[in-house]
Amino acid sequence: MMKHFTEFSLDVDDINRYEKSKRKKKETCYQYESDDILTFDIEVTSAWLDEDGKIWNYEKNRSEKFWNNMKCLSLCYIWQFSYNHAVYYGRELKDFLYILDRLDRDTHFIIYVHNLSYEFQFLRNILQFKDIFAREAHKVMYCIPEFYENVEFRCSLFLTRVSLKDWGEELKNIKKLDTLDYTSKIRTPKTKLSQLELDYCEHDCLVVCEGIKTYVEKYEHVVNIPLTQTGEVRRELKRKITRNRSLQRQLISLIPDAIMYRKAKQAFAGGYTHANFTLANRVIETSSGKHYDFASSYPFVMLSEKFPCTIFEECDEIEDPENYAYLIRIRVNRLDARTYNHYISSSKCFECDTDFSSNSKIEIVDNLYEDNGRVISNEYEDENGNACYQKFDMYITEQDLDIIEKTYDIDYEIVECYESKKQYLPYEICEYILELYKNKTELKQKESDKDFSQVEYVKYCTSKKFINSIFGMSCTDIVQDDVDFDGIDWITHEKTLENVETELEELIADNKNRTFMNFFWGVWITAYARHNLWHCVLQGDDGEDNNSIIYCDTDSIFCRDDIDFSDYNKSCRVKLQKMCDYHNFDIEMTEPRDKKGVKHLLGIFAEESDWSQFVTLGAKRYCVRENSDNKLHLTVSGINKEAVEVLHDDITNFNEDLVFDKDDDCVHKMLIKYVENQECVVFNENEYDEYECIDRYGINMRNTSYSMSMTDEYFELTNAANVISHLACLS
């Protein structure tokens, strides 16, 4: 049970601390590091102020316009702090200073906050900060107060990348509690809270405390815990790779100059997520609907493919794509799609006169005939009705070019071409990926078992997350824009080409084992993954009679008919065998067994649940009735999967007119607004818990609706008459 903050006291002898090294003592204002686990959390009321000065709590069935016409307010009505497993609380945020004042000034304490970006906006009311680290505005990873330099707030969400609810489930020994109602009641620091509400407040601190405990067991000291999940993987790979001095020297030599780095960033593209517009915006019903999914798509290509391993040098043409990676700038003169699915992203098509050796802005071209962000053709009509073609440039890889040539009638020229010799990723990286995949596979089938221990479950979840982090780490910018907070505003300082060049030169000159990945690898990882996906897409989309592919999502395909991908799956084994031969791995490492003894080969296109009904309204917007349970399943970006309830088991309700009502309990979509310079207001005036709030900063949250409406252009494109016309043109 929580204690009042006034009961908190801390003698120096009670601190689990150790003395810092002499060198680190000189760098800081404190001599000791604490290994105690400290956490912090708050609960907040959101309210709205109308033009007559009346304060409203959230009420259902009022329009979005009603709420948007009022000022947003917020108020922290309780805060919780835990020291190890003892949880303390206070009702007014300013009283948290009582805790900070009692933390020994000669000892460094780390206080973990789950989603520090949220709490930071409220802590601004009582603290000024001397040091803040954020990669984006508002996304605070850690911060250090001006007058409490021995205290460091860290974000545990960046470390775990899971919600408190999911983290608690991972830990298993933390009792789940219902979610607190944030919006329908105005609570103040004087509002009486029920035991259930107090238990909920305590619960969040205990989850973070118990979770950080597992990290301390792994890293020995609290201060050793990485800031981010990717940082965990970086540390492990760094430990492995820095033992290999020759590899370390090679990786440093691959750091490009600023101009080539800018070109590589332009060539980078993510996964392919898109709908076949000829089959979108209508219900597809079939007795043989199929869903196929790659088994760990990115880890597979990281193991099975070869990547740039020498500095890129200018060349005249593409001669040997099997052994060389090519970074190419092409100029497209004329382009017409010959498939129903479209590959080229319009956001990657820029003006032909764009100079990447200067700080000029990259101008994206207009006048392209698009399919919801994908290019169908560059033909357009001028003001006189004459047919014209909008020329444009793109930076792409040889993998992209291969797919483009197979899916478009294209007239293009190579403007620039650079080549780098290819080789498999280093032994250390491949070995680590195989280790993680083995852990994930062996433990996956145990997820629902009663004897699935906390240690096993955490290991399973960690392996899943780490595999994704290896890919994410390879795509991380070497040089990022600086994000500063001046005490009032967030300011992003965009780096010039000269800034980037200076930082890259410094990285080469003073590396200190910081480089053990290559940004070019990230460019080619996604390119290979798209190439693999499209190799399979083309088996169900030939631009003629074969129009089976309905929807793709990075590493999966929904299609109307059964497609035989056995040849592709055989090629996966062949590729992995070649990699194993090169690194001297046993091929068995690429197909570990699950609990039931079944082998799972990396990379193969495996069949998921069959389906009988499917409808998509575009990327990340689809609904499917799976045969396994004969139920509808919903995927809409930003919407809870439970919102499928609003369809009432009728897939035809998933259409352009559908609005996920903000007041449906199953939707759970929140609108978040930052409150700045809030005026002094009185909450619950003339009530027993009346409270005058002088806080200026906070965050306001309320339910919000989500419309499935489509852009006019995409709606017209998917219109039946236009689809028929387009199909006629293709044939």
Foldseek 3Di string as FASTA:
>chain_A
DAAAPVPDADDPVNFQKDFDDPVVVVVAVAGIETQWAKEKDFAKAKWWAAPVGDIGFDDPPDDPVVRVRTAIDMATQKMWMDTQLHIHMAGHPLCVVVVLVRDDLRYADEYEYAQVLFVVLQCLLNFAWDDFDDQDPSRTQKTATPVRNSYMYGHCCQAQVDDLQVLQVLQVVQDDADDDDRTRDDHHNQDDDDPSVVVVNSSSRNSVSSSLVVVCVVQVGSVRRDSHNLVVLLVVLLVVPVVPVVLLLQLLQQLDFLLVLLLLVLAFDFFDWKFLLQFAQDKDFAPAWFKWFWFLQLLLCLQQAWFFRHHKDWDDDDDCVRFKKKWFKKKWQWKAFLWSDADAFQVQWFAPPDDSVFQDDTHGDDQFQDQVRGGHIQWDADPVRDIHGDMTMGTYMPLSVVLRVQTMPTDMDTPTMIIGTIDRADLSVNVVLLVLVQLLQALVVCPPPPPCDSVSSVSNSSSVVSNVSVLVVLQDDPDGWDWDDPSADIDTHDDTSVRRNVVSVVCSVPVVSVGDHHNSVSRVSRSVLNSLVVVVVCQQINSAPRPFWTIDDRGMTIGNHDGDCPVVQVVSLVSNVVSCVVSVHDSCSQWHAYNVRDTDHHTGTGIDFGFGMKHANIGQFIWTQGPVVRAIFTGHPQWARQLVVVCVRPRSCSGQADKSRLPDPRGPHKDKDKFAQDPFGWPPPPDPSIDTDHRGTRMHMGGDMGGSHDPPSNVVCSPNVNSVVVSVVSD
